[in-house]
Each structure stands twice: as structure tokens, then as C-alpha cells.
N, C-alpha and C. Protein backbone atom coordinates (compact mmCIF):
# COMPACT_ATOMS: atom_id res chain seq x y z
N MET A 1 5.99 6.16 -23.60
CA MET A 1 6.12 7.69 -23.58
C MET A 1 6.33 7.85 -21.79
N THR A 2 6.86 8.86 -22.17
CA THR A 2 7.38 10.16 -20.44
C THR A 2 6.60 11.56 -21.10
N LYS A 3 6.48 12.09 -20.12
CA LYS A 3 5.77 13.54 -20.33
C LYS A 3 6.75 14.31 -18.79
N SER A 4 6.84 15.51 -19.01
CA SER A 4 7.74 16.18 -17.51
C SER A 4 6.12 17.28 -17.19
N ALA A 5 6.33 17.66 -16.05
CA ALA A 5 4.84 18.46 -15.52
C ALA A 5 4.38 18.84 -16.59
N GLY A 6 4.82 19.95 -17.05
CA GLY A 6 4.25 20.98 -17.35
C GLY A 6 3.83 20.74 -19.38
N ALA A 7 4.53 19.53 -19.09
CA ALA A 7 3.42 18.44 -20.36
C ALA A 7 1.20 18.51 -20.68
N THR A 8 1.34 18.20 -21.27
CA THR A 8 -0.31 17.69 -22.11
C THR A 8 -0.72 17.03 -21.90
N ALA A 9 -1.08 16.09 -21.43
CA ALA A 9 -1.40 14.65 -21.33
C ALA A 9 -1.91 14.04 -22.32
N GLY A 10 -2.99 14.92 -22.62
CA GLY A 10 -3.57 14.11 -23.99
C GLY A 10 -4.76 12.95 -23.47
N ALA A 11 -5.40 13.33 -24.34
CA ALA A 11 -7.49 12.30 -23.65
C ALA A 11 -6.91 10.75 -23.09
N ALA A 12 -5.99 10.10 -24.11
CA ALA A 12 -5.94 8.80 -23.76
C ALA A 12 -5.53 9.01 -22.19
N GLY A 13 -4.91 9.61 -21.39
CA GLY A 13 -4.16 9.37 -19.85
C GLY A 13 -5.76 9.18 -18.39
N GLY A 14 -6.62 10.53 -19.52
CA GLY A 14 -7.83 10.79 -18.46
C GLY A 14 -7.91 12.34 -18.09
N ALA A 15 -8.87 12.31 -16.94
CA ALA A 15 -8.72 13.76 -16.35
C ALA A 15 -7.46 13.28 -15.07
N GLY A 16 -7.75 12.68 -14.63
CA GLY A 16 -6.64 12.44 -13.47
C GLY A 16 -5.45 12.23 -14.03
N ARG A 17 -4.97 12.07 -14.99
CA ARG A 17 -3.43 12.47 -15.20
C ARG A 17 -3.23 14.05 -15.44
N ASP A 18 -4.17 14.21 -15.91
CA ASP A 18 -4.04 15.82 -16.18
C ASP A 18 -3.94 16.86 -14.75
N ARG A 19 -4.90 15.95 -14.13
CA ARG A 19 -4.93 16.39 -13.42
C ARG A 19 -3.11 17.14 -12.18
N PHE A 20 -2.54 15.34 -12.31
CA PHE A 20 -1.85 15.09 -11.36
C PHE A 20 -0.27 16.15 -12.44
N LEU A 21 -0.63 16.14 -13.80
CA LEU A 21 0.51 17.16 -14.16
C LEU A 21 0.27 18.75 -13.50
N ALA A 22 -1.00 18.85 -13.37
CA ALA A 22 -0.83 20.43 -13.56
C ALA A 22 -0.66 20.61 -12.53
N ASP A 23 -0.72 19.46 -11.32
CA ASP A 23 -0.88 20.55 -9.63
C ASP A 23 0.96 20.42 -9.36
N ALA A 24 1.58 19.31 -10.17
CA ALA A 24 3.19 18.97 -9.87
C ALA A 24 3.92 20.41 -11.07
N ALA A 25 3.19 21.26 -12.10
CA ALA A 25 3.17 21.79 -12.48
C ALA A 25 3.49 23.63 -11.37
N ALA A 26 1.95 23.43 -11.04
CA ALA A 26 1.71 24.61 -10.35
C ALA A 26 2.80 24.42 -9.06
N ARG A 27 2.65 23.26 -8.69
CA ARG A 27 4.54 23.41 -7.29
C ARG A 27 5.59 23.78 -7.61
N GLY A 28 5.85 23.57 -9.13
CA GLY A 28 7.13 23.92 -9.94
C GLY A 28 7.76 22.08 -9.09
N LEU A 29 7.24 21.19 -9.37
CA LEU A 29 7.91 19.95 -8.96
C LEU A 29 8.24 19.80 -10.00
N SER A 30 9.49 18.91 -10.69
CA SER A 30 9.76 18.38 -11.52
C SER A 30 8.76 16.28 -10.90
N VAL A 31 8.38 16.07 -11.99
CA VAL A 31 7.87 14.89 -12.25
C VAL A 31 8.24 14.21 -14.05
N HIS A 32 8.76 13.32 -13.97
CA HIS A 32 9.01 11.89 -14.85
C HIS A 32 7.79 11.42 -15.04
N LEU A 33 7.13 11.34 -15.84
CA LEU A 33 5.65 10.29 -16.49
C LEU A 33 6.11 9.24 -16.92
N VAL A 34 5.89 7.69 -16.22
CA VAL A 34 5.97 6.31 -17.27
C VAL A 34 5.43 6.11 -17.70
N GLU A 35 5.22 5.85 -19.28
CA GLU A 35 3.50 4.82 -19.63
C GLU A 35 4.11 3.23 -19.55
N ARG A 36 3.44 2.37 -18.11
CA ARG A 36 3.90 1.31 -18.51
C ARG A 36 2.74 0.22 -18.30
N LEU A 37 3.44 -1.00 -18.85
CA LEU A 37 2.48 -2.04 -18.55
C LEU A 37 1.34 -2.19 -17.78
N ALA A 38 0.39 -2.59 -17.31
CA ALA A 38 -0.67 -2.80 -15.99
C ALA A 38 0.47 -4.28 -14.86
N ALA A 39 -0.22 -4.12 -14.00
CA ALA A 39 0.47 -5.12 -13.00
C ALA A 39 -0.46 -5.68 -12.44
N ASN A 40 -0.12 -7.15 -11.27
CA ASN A 40 -1.10 -7.38 -10.87
C ASN A 40 -0.29 -6.92 -9.59
N SER A 41 0.45 -6.81 -8.62
CA SER A 41 1.20 -6.39 -8.07
C SER A 41 1.87 -5.38 -7.87
N LEU A 42 2.37 -4.55 -6.24
CA LEU A 42 3.39 -3.81 -5.99
C LEU A 42 5.22 -4.38 -7.09
N GLU A 43 5.08 -6.15 -6.38
CA GLU A 43 6.46 -6.57 -6.93
C GLU A 43 6.55 -6.28 -8.51
N GLU A 44 5.61 -7.37 -8.84
CA GLU A 44 5.44 -6.51 -10.28
C GLU A 44 5.56 -5.80 -11.24
N ALA A 45 5.29 -4.55 -10.56
CA ALA A 45 4.83 -3.31 -10.83
C ALA A 45 6.73 -2.43 -10.54
N ALA A 46 7.63 -3.32 -9.63
CA ALA A 46 8.64 -2.63 -9.46
C ALA A 46 9.78 -2.73 -10.58
N GLN A 47 9.13 -4.75 -10.55
CA GLN A 47 10.34 -4.93 -12.18
C GLN A 47 9.73 -4.56 -13.06
N ILE A 48 8.60 -4.51 -13.87
CA ILE A 48 8.79 -3.77 -15.00
C ILE A 48 9.00 -2.52 -14.74
N LEU A 49 9.37 -1.59 -13.95
CA LEU A 49 10.07 -0.05 -13.58
C LEU A 49 11.49 -0.39 -13.56
N GLY A 50 11.59 -1.28 -12.92
CA GLY A 50 13.42 -2.37 -13.05
C GLY A 50 13.66 -1.16 -11.88
N ILE A 51 12.71 -1.57 -10.65
CA ILE A 51 13.79 -0.52 -9.14
C ILE A 51 12.60 -1.75 -8.35
N GLN A 52 13.36 -1.29 -7.00
CA GLN A 52 12.60 -2.69 -6.22
C GLN A 52 11.89 -1.99 -5.36
N PRO A 53 11.12 -2.61 -4.89
CA PRO A 53 9.38 -2.08 -4.19
C PRO A 53 9.38 -1.17 -3.12
N GLY A 54 10.03 -0.74 -3.00
CA GLY A 54 10.48 0.00 -1.59
C GLY A 54 10.93 1.26 -2.41
N ASP A 55 11.21 1.19 -3.57
CA ASP A 55 10.81 2.14 -4.12
C ASP A 55 10.27 3.00 -5.04
N ILE A 56 9.06 2.46 -4.73
CA ILE A 56 7.67 2.75 -5.45
C ILE A 56 6.91 2.91 -3.86
N VAL A 57 6.38 4.38 -3.98
CA VAL A 57 5.56 5.09 -2.95
C VAL A 57 4.14 4.78 -3.31
N LYS A 58 3.57 4.25 -1.73
CA LYS A 58 2.01 4.12 -1.98
C LYS A 58 1.74 5.10 -1.67
N SER A 59 0.31 5.90 -2.24
CA SER A 59 -0.45 6.61 -1.88
C SER A 59 -1.24 6.74 -1.13
N LEU A 60 -1.84 6.13 0.22
CA LEU A 60 -2.75 5.16 0.88
C LEU A 60 -3.65 6.45 1.95
N VAL A 61 -4.68 6.69 1.32
CA VAL A 61 -6.37 7.92 1.86
C VAL A 61 -6.13 7.04 3.25
N VAL A 62 -6.24 7.48 4.08
CA VAL A 62 -6.42 7.31 5.58
C VAL A 62 -8.12 8.30 6.23
N LYS A 63 -8.64 7.33 6.40
CA LYS A 63 -10.31 8.44 7.18
C LYS A 63 -9.98 8.57 8.72
N HIS A 64 -10.58 9.36 8.78
CA HIS A 64 -10.26 9.98 10.64
C HIS A 64 -12.22 10.03 10.82
N LYS A 65 -12.05 9.26 11.82
CA LYS A 65 -13.39 9.23 12.85
C LYS A 65 -14.46 10.47 12.26
N ASP A 66 -13.86 11.64 12.13
CA ASP A 66 -14.67 12.39 12.05
C ASP A 66 -15.10 12.51 10.08
N GLY A 67 -14.32 11.86 9.81
CA GLY A 67 -14.48 11.52 8.18
C GLY A 67 -13.98 12.35 7.15
N SER A 68 -12.89 13.20 7.95
CA SER A 68 -12.17 14.37 7.08
C SER A 68 -10.88 12.54 6.47
N PHE A 69 -9.97 13.12 5.77
CA PHE A 69 -9.40 12.40 4.98
C PHE A 69 -7.57 12.68 5.48
N LEU A 70 -6.85 12.28 5.00
CA LEU A 70 -5.02 12.22 4.97
C LEU A 70 -4.57 11.15 4.21
N PHE A 71 -3.55 11.58 3.67
CA PHE A 71 -2.82 10.78 2.66
C PHE A 71 -1.95 9.90 3.53
N ALA A 72 -0.92 9.17 3.85
CA ALA A 72 0.37 8.65 4.34
C ALA A 72 1.45 8.13 2.94
N LEU A 73 2.20 8.72 2.72
CA LEU A 73 3.45 8.00 1.66
C LEU A 73 3.79 7.11 2.14
N ILE A 74 3.62 5.32 1.92
CA ILE A 74 4.48 4.49 2.83
C ILE A 74 5.15 3.57 1.67
N PRO A 75 6.54 3.53 1.74
CA PRO A 75 6.85 2.88 1.07
C PRO A 75 6.35 1.23 0.67
N GLY A 76 6.95 0.48 -0.75
CA GLY A 76 5.71 -0.03 -0.69
C GLY A 76 6.61 -2.16 -0.87
N ASP A 77 7.71 -1.75 0.32
CA ASP A 77 7.92 -3.03 1.03
C ASP A 77 7.34 -2.95 2.76
N ARG A 78 6.85 -2.11 2.81
CA ARG A 78 6.36 -1.64 4.34
C ARG A 78 5.16 -1.40 4.66
N GLN A 79 4.25 -1.44 5.16
CA GLN A 79 3.24 -0.86 5.51
C GLN A 79 2.70 -0.07 7.24
N ILE A 80 1.51 1.01 6.79
CA ILE A 80 1.35 2.29 7.97
C ILE A 80 1.14 1.18 9.81
N SER A 81 2.03 2.07 10.62
CA SER A 81 2.26 1.90 11.80
C SER A 81 1.01 2.98 12.61
N TRP A 82 -0.43 1.85 12.77
CA TRP A 82 -1.27 2.53 12.66
C TRP A 82 -0.88 3.19 14.17
N PRO A 83 -0.49 2.96 15.16
CA PRO A 83 -0.15 3.22 16.56
C PRO A 83 0.58 4.41 16.18
N LYS A 84 1.80 4.22 15.63
CA LYS A 84 2.57 5.57 14.78
C LYS A 84 1.81 6.88 14.35
N LEU A 85 1.03 6.38 13.18
CA LEU A 85 0.11 7.20 13.11
C LEU A 85 -0.60 7.79 13.36
N ARG A 86 -1.26 7.43 14.76
CA ARG A 86 -2.32 7.52 15.24
C ARG A 86 -1.92 8.56 16.32
N ALA A 87 -0.94 8.08 16.72
CA ALA A 87 0.09 8.87 18.00
C ALA A 87 0.71 10.71 17.25
N LEU A 88 0.93 10.68 16.07
CA LEU A 88 1.43 11.97 15.24
C LEU A 88 0.47 12.59 14.95
N VAL A 89 -0.91 12.27 14.76
CA VAL A 89 -2.11 12.69 13.70
C VAL A 89 -2.93 13.44 15.29
N GLY A 90 -2.68 12.81 16.31
CA GLY A 90 -3.26 12.92 17.59
C GLY A 90 -4.60 12.44 18.02
N VAL A 91 -5.30 11.51 17.24
CA VAL A 91 -6.58 10.04 17.50
C VAL A 91 -6.21 8.84 17.48
N ASN A 92 -7.79 8.55 18.38
CA ASN A 92 -7.18 7.16 18.36
C ASN A 92 -7.85 6.20 17.54
N LYS A 93 -8.15 6.52 16.56
CA LYS A 93 -9.08 5.91 15.32
C LYS A 93 -8.66 6.48 13.81
N LEU A 94 -7.94 5.14 13.35
CA LEU A 94 -8.09 5.65 11.70
C LEU A 94 -8.46 4.86 10.93
N SER A 95 -8.75 4.56 9.66
CA SER A 95 -9.26 3.28 9.37
C SER A 95 -8.86 3.52 7.21
N LEU A 96 -9.19 2.33 6.42
CA LEU A 96 -8.67 2.69 5.35
C LEU A 96 -10.05 2.44 4.84
N PRO A 97 -10.11 3.40 4.26
CA PRO A 97 -11.80 3.38 4.00
C PRO A 97 -11.85 2.88 2.09
N THR A 98 -12.73 2.29 1.98
CA THR A 98 -13.51 1.53 0.90
C THR A 98 -13.06 1.93 -0.55
N ALA A 99 -12.70 1.52 -1.14
CA ALA A 99 -12.09 1.98 -2.55
C ALA A 99 -12.73 2.82 -3.27
N GLU A 100 -14.39 2.97 -2.76
CA GLU A 100 -15.30 3.68 -3.50
C GLU A 100 -15.46 4.96 -2.49
N VAL A 101 -14.50 4.73 -1.33
CA VAL A 101 -14.81 5.77 -0.28
C VAL A 101 -13.36 7.71 -0.60
N ALA A 102 -12.47 6.38 -0.98
CA ALA A 102 -11.27 7.27 -1.39
C ALA A 102 -11.20 7.60 -2.62
N LEU A 103 -12.08 6.43 -3.38
CA LEU A 103 -11.72 7.73 -5.17
C LEU A 103 -13.46 9.28 -4.82
N ASP A 104 -14.00 8.77 -4.06
CA ASP A 104 -14.76 10.05 -3.57
C ASP A 104 -14.27 11.09 -2.78
N ALA A 105 -13.21 10.65 -2.28
CA ALA A 105 -12.38 11.64 -1.19
C ALA A 105 -10.88 12.07 -2.26
N THR A 106 -10.76 11.68 -2.92
CA THR A 106 -9.74 12.44 -4.27
C THR A 106 -9.18 12.23 -5.52
N GLY A 107 -11.01 12.11 -5.82
CA GLY A 107 -11.22 11.57 -7.58
C GLY A 107 -10.54 10.78 -7.94
N TYR A 108 -9.51 9.61 -7.29
CA TYR A 108 -8.45 9.01 -7.82
C TYR A 108 -8.85 7.68 -7.48
N GLU A 109 -8.95 6.66 -8.51
CA GLU A 109 -9.34 5.13 -8.52
C GLU A 109 -8.31 4.40 -7.69
N ARG A 110 -8.02 3.40 -7.00
CA ARG A 110 -7.14 3.09 -5.97
C ARG A 110 -6.32 2.56 -7.54
N GLY A 111 -4.89 2.62 -7.38
CA GLY A 111 -3.81 1.91 -7.38
C GLY A 111 -3.21 3.66 -8.71
N THR A 112 -4.06 4.29 -8.79
CA THR A 112 -3.93 5.37 -9.35
C THR A 112 -3.24 6.93 -7.98
N ILE A 113 -3.53 6.11 -6.47
CA ILE A 113 -4.27 7.71 -5.84
C ILE A 113 -2.75 8.58 -5.76
N THR A 114 -2.95 9.63 -5.25
CA THR A 114 -1.77 10.73 -6.03
C THR A 114 -2.28 11.06 -4.93
N PRO A 115 -1.38 12.17 -3.66
CA PRO A 115 -1.95 13.27 -3.38
C PRO A 115 -1.69 14.73 -4.60
N LEU A 116 -1.12 14.43 -5.20
CA LEU A 116 -1.08 15.72 -6.44
C LEU A 116 -2.13 15.72 -6.75
N GLY A 117 -2.95 16.96 -7.15
CA GLY A 117 -4.22 16.33 -7.99
C GLY A 117 -5.40 16.29 -7.76
N SER A 118 -5.19 15.64 -6.10
CA SER A 118 -6.27 15.45 -5.31
C SER A 118 -7.57 16.44 -5.77
N THR A 119 -8.85 15.87 -5.76
CA THR A 119 -9.73 17.01 -5.81
C THR A 119 -10.02 17.17 -4.64
N VAL A 120 -10.04 17.29 -3.26
CA VAL A 120 -9.50 17.99 -2.15
C VAL A 120 -8.18 17.97 -1.67
N ALA A 121 -7.38 18.70 -0.98
CA ALA A 121 -6.22 18.67 -0.75
C ALA A 121 -5.73 18.50 0.71
N TRP A 122 -5.80 17.50 0.68
CA TRP A 122 -6.10 16.53 2.41
C TRP A 122 -4.98 16.77 2.86
N PRO A 123 -4.39 16.76 4.15
CA PRO A 123 -2.72 16.68 4.84
C PRO A 123 -1.48 15.56 4.51
N VAL A 124 -0.60 15.39 4.43
CA VAL A 124 0.26 14.57 3.84
C VAL A 124 0.64 14.16 4.88
N TYR A 125 1.09 13.14 5.66
CA TYR A 125 1.86 12.41 6.17
C TYR A 125 3.24 11.14 5.15
N ALA A 126 4.38 11.67 5.19
CA ALA A 126 5.43 10.48 4.82
C ALA A 126 6.17 10.12 5.24
N ASP A 127 6.49 8.53 5.29
CA ASP A 127 7.32 7.62 5.86
C ASP A 127 8.65 8.76 5.67
N ARG A 128 9.90 8.37 7.10
CA ARG A 128 10.48 9.10 6.86
C ARG A 128 11.78 8.07 6.45
N THR A 129 11.44 6.79 5.58
CA THR A 129 11.98 5.86 5.30
C THR A 129 12.12 6.32 3.53
N ILE A 130 11.28 7.29 2.77
CA ILE A 130 11.08 8.11 1.43
C ILE A 130 12.28 8.77 1.15
N THR A 131 13.01 9.40 2.39
CA THR A 131 13.17 10.67 2.18
C THR A 131 15.10 10.52 1.10
N GLY A 132 15.58 11.61 0.68
CA GLY A 132 16.33 11.17 0.27
C GLY A 132 17.11 10.24 -1.13
N ARG A 133 15.95 10.07 -1.96
CA ARG A 133 15.93 9.79 -3.36
C ARG A 133 14.92 9.61 -3.46
N ARG A 134 14.95 8.87 -5.15
CA ARG A 134 14.04 9.25 -5.98
C ARG A 134 13.25 8.13 -6.08
N ILE A 135 12.14 8.31 -5.78
CA ILE A 135 11.04 7.72 -5.67
C ILE A 135 9.63 7.52 -6.76
N SER A 136 8.97 6.43 -6.85
CA SER A 136 7.73 6.08 -7.99
C SER A 136 7.21 6.39 -7.34
N MET A 137 5.85 6.74 -7.93
CA MET A 137 4.42 6.49 -7.47
C MET A 137 3.31 7.02 -8.38
N GLY A 138 1.91 6.81 -7.68
CA GLY A 138 0.70 6.99 -8.79
C GLY A 138 0.47 8.29 -10.06
N ALA A 139 0.06 8.57 -10.50
CA ALA A 139 0.53 9.64 -11.69
C ALA A 139 -1.28 10.49 -12.32
N GLY A 140 -2.27 9.05 -11.37
CA GLY A 140 -3.60 9.91 -11.51
C GLY A 140 -4.66 8.86 -12.51
N ALA A 141 -3.36 7.86 -13.13
CA ALA A 141 -4.56 7.03 -14.37
C ALA A 141 -3.43 5.43 -13.99
N HIS A 142 -4.02 5.00 -14.36
CA HIS A 142 -3.72 3.71 -15.05
C HIS A 142 -2.64 3.04 -16.28
N GLY A 143 -1.65 2.33 -15.33
CA GLY A 143 -0.76 2.28 -17.07
C GLY A 143 0.30 3.36 -16.86
N TYR A 144 0.13 4.49 -15.55
CA TYR A 144 1.40 5.29 -15.37
C TYR A 144 1.98 5.36 -14.41
N SER A 145 3.07 5.70 -14.13
CA SER A 145 3.74 5.47 -13.15
C SER A 145 4.45 6.94 -12.95
N ALA A 146 5.04 7.91 -11.71
CA ALA A 146 5.90 9.05 -12.27
C ALA A 146 7.11 8.57 -11.08
N PHE A 147 8.09 9.16 -11.38
CA PHE A 147 9.57 9.23 -11.14
C PHE A 147 9.57 11.46 -10.31
N VAL A 148 10.12 10.95 -9.50
CA VAL A 148 10.18 11.96 -8.64
C VAL A 148 11.18 12.33 -7.38
N ASP A 149 12.09 13.28 -7.14
CA ASP A 149 12.61 13.58 -5.62
C ASP A 149 11.65 14.15 -4.78
N ALA A 150 12.29 12.44 -3.57
CA ALA A 150 11.10 12.87 -2.31
C ALA A 150 10.91 13.45 -1.63
N ASP A 151 12.19 14.46 -1.63
CA ASP A 151 13.03 15.30 -0.64
C ASP A 151 11.58 16.88 -1.81
N ALA A 152 11.63 16.63 -2.53
CA ALA A 152 10.84 17.61 -3.28
C ALA A 152 9.64 17.16 -3.38
N LEU A 153 9.00 16.34 -3.34
CA LEU A 153 7.34 16.05 -3.46
C LEU A 153 7.36 16.47 -1.87
N THR A 154 8.28 16.04 -0.22
CA THR A 154 6.94 16.39 0.79
C THR A 154 7.50 17.52 1.28
N ALA A 155 8.47 18.72 -0.36
CA ALA A 155 8.10 20.07 0.61
C ALA A 155 7.34 20.26 -0.35
N ALA A 156 7.03 20.17 -1.64
CA ALA A 156 6.25 20.34 -2.39
C ALA A 156 4.45 20.50 -1.90
N LEU A 157 4.21 19.69 -1.02
CA LEU A 157 3.19 19.79 -0.32
C LEU A 157 2.28 19.24 0.93
N GLY A 158 3.81 19.87 1.61
CA GLY A 158 4.51 20.51 3.09
C GLY A 158 3.92 19.31 3.87
N ALA A 159 4.46 18.02 3.34
CA ALA A 159 4.16 17.19 4.37
C ALA A 159 5.05 17.04 5.26
N VAL A 160 4.50 16.17 6.16
CA VAL A 160 4.38 15.70 7.61
C VAL A 160 6.05 14.83 7.81
N VAL A 161 6.89 14.53 7.48
CA VAL A 161 8.08 13.32 7.41
C VAL A 161 7.86 12.81 8.86
N ALA A 162 7.89 11.44 9.39
CA ALA A 162 7.67 11.10 10.33
C ALA A 162 7.48 9.25 10.12
N ASP A 163 8.32 9.18 11.33
CA ASP A 163 8.64 7.57 11.27
C ASP A 163 7.23 7.26 12.00
N ILE A 164 6.18 6.53 10.45
CA ILE A 164 5.08 6.10 10.41
C ILE A 164 4.23 4.79 10.01
N SER A 165 5.23 3.73 9.29
CA SER A 165 5.65 2.87 8.75
C SER A 165 6.38 1.66 9.41
N GLU A 166 6.41 0.21 9.61
CA GLU A 166 6.96 -0.88 10.15
C GLU A 166 7.31 -1.68 9.40
N PRO A 167 8.13 -2.57 8.10
CA PRO A 167 8.35 -3.53 7.48
C PRO A 167 6.50 -4.50 7.51
N ASN A 168 6.58 -5.24 6.48
CA ASN A 168 5.76 -5.80 5.93
C ASN A 168 6.04 -7.16 6.82
């Protein structure tokens, strides 16, 4: 099953997928939604999708000490560089919240998180290594992935693109 940004998602996909598609459409962003088998790891998800783990971009929710949040878009084969992200944001403390806090902050469960359709439009920071290619990312519901042009995504989100990651 595939859907484009303007398509109706249907009840089976849930509200998260609907929010994802509606936000992508509102931003004029072309996304290709793919239904996929459940995966137990990023590597397994990449294999199911026929891509490399680095082509899957993780949307990580990061918490400021003041209680606000941001999204960090990181390739699957890399991890956040906390010193680089803290320096860019201009703070001395950032952390990954619990799954429950991330759900409250975005309206998405872990494994489905995306800045598109988040219940709050938190700032987005994208690692520079995602640019210049087509990527896969969460689509707001388990069992779905979205393919999108990374440059169009970062532009549509007004993301800060910088060096914020390091190899796993």
C-alpha cells in the first residue's frame, strides 16, 4: 500500500498517520508512504525497505532543561553528538526524554515519531549527512515508513542543518 501526501489515510492507520499526511500536504511536501512489516531493529527495517540503515532517518525528541523540546534528525547509522548539539543550541544540558514524555510532547509513540504532524511544532535540527538524497522516516504510525527528499523536508520544516552526529 502506498499513499501520497494528499491522500486520505483511513481508519486503520490512525490519527498519527493522518496528521503526518495532512502536515506534509499543507507544507507542499511530496512523501511516499509505504506499509511495511514490523521490524525489531533499524537494520531489520532497512532490510525490509531494501535500503541501507543510514537511509533511515531517526526523528529523536530532545528535551531542554527548561522543559521545551526539539527534534534531531539523525541517520540510522549515526548517533547524536551531544557536545555538537548543545553548542549549536547554545545550552549546557539536553537529554532524551522517556517514551511517555516524548509521546506527550509530540503525539507520537517511539518508532513512529516525526516532526511532520507533531502536536507541537518544535524546532528541528537535521544532521548535514542526511541532505542531498532520498530518505525514509517514521510516518506517525507503526507499520508505515515515508520516503521523502531530505532537502525538501529540511526546507519545509525550516530545519537548522548542521553537523550534529557522530558514527555509532
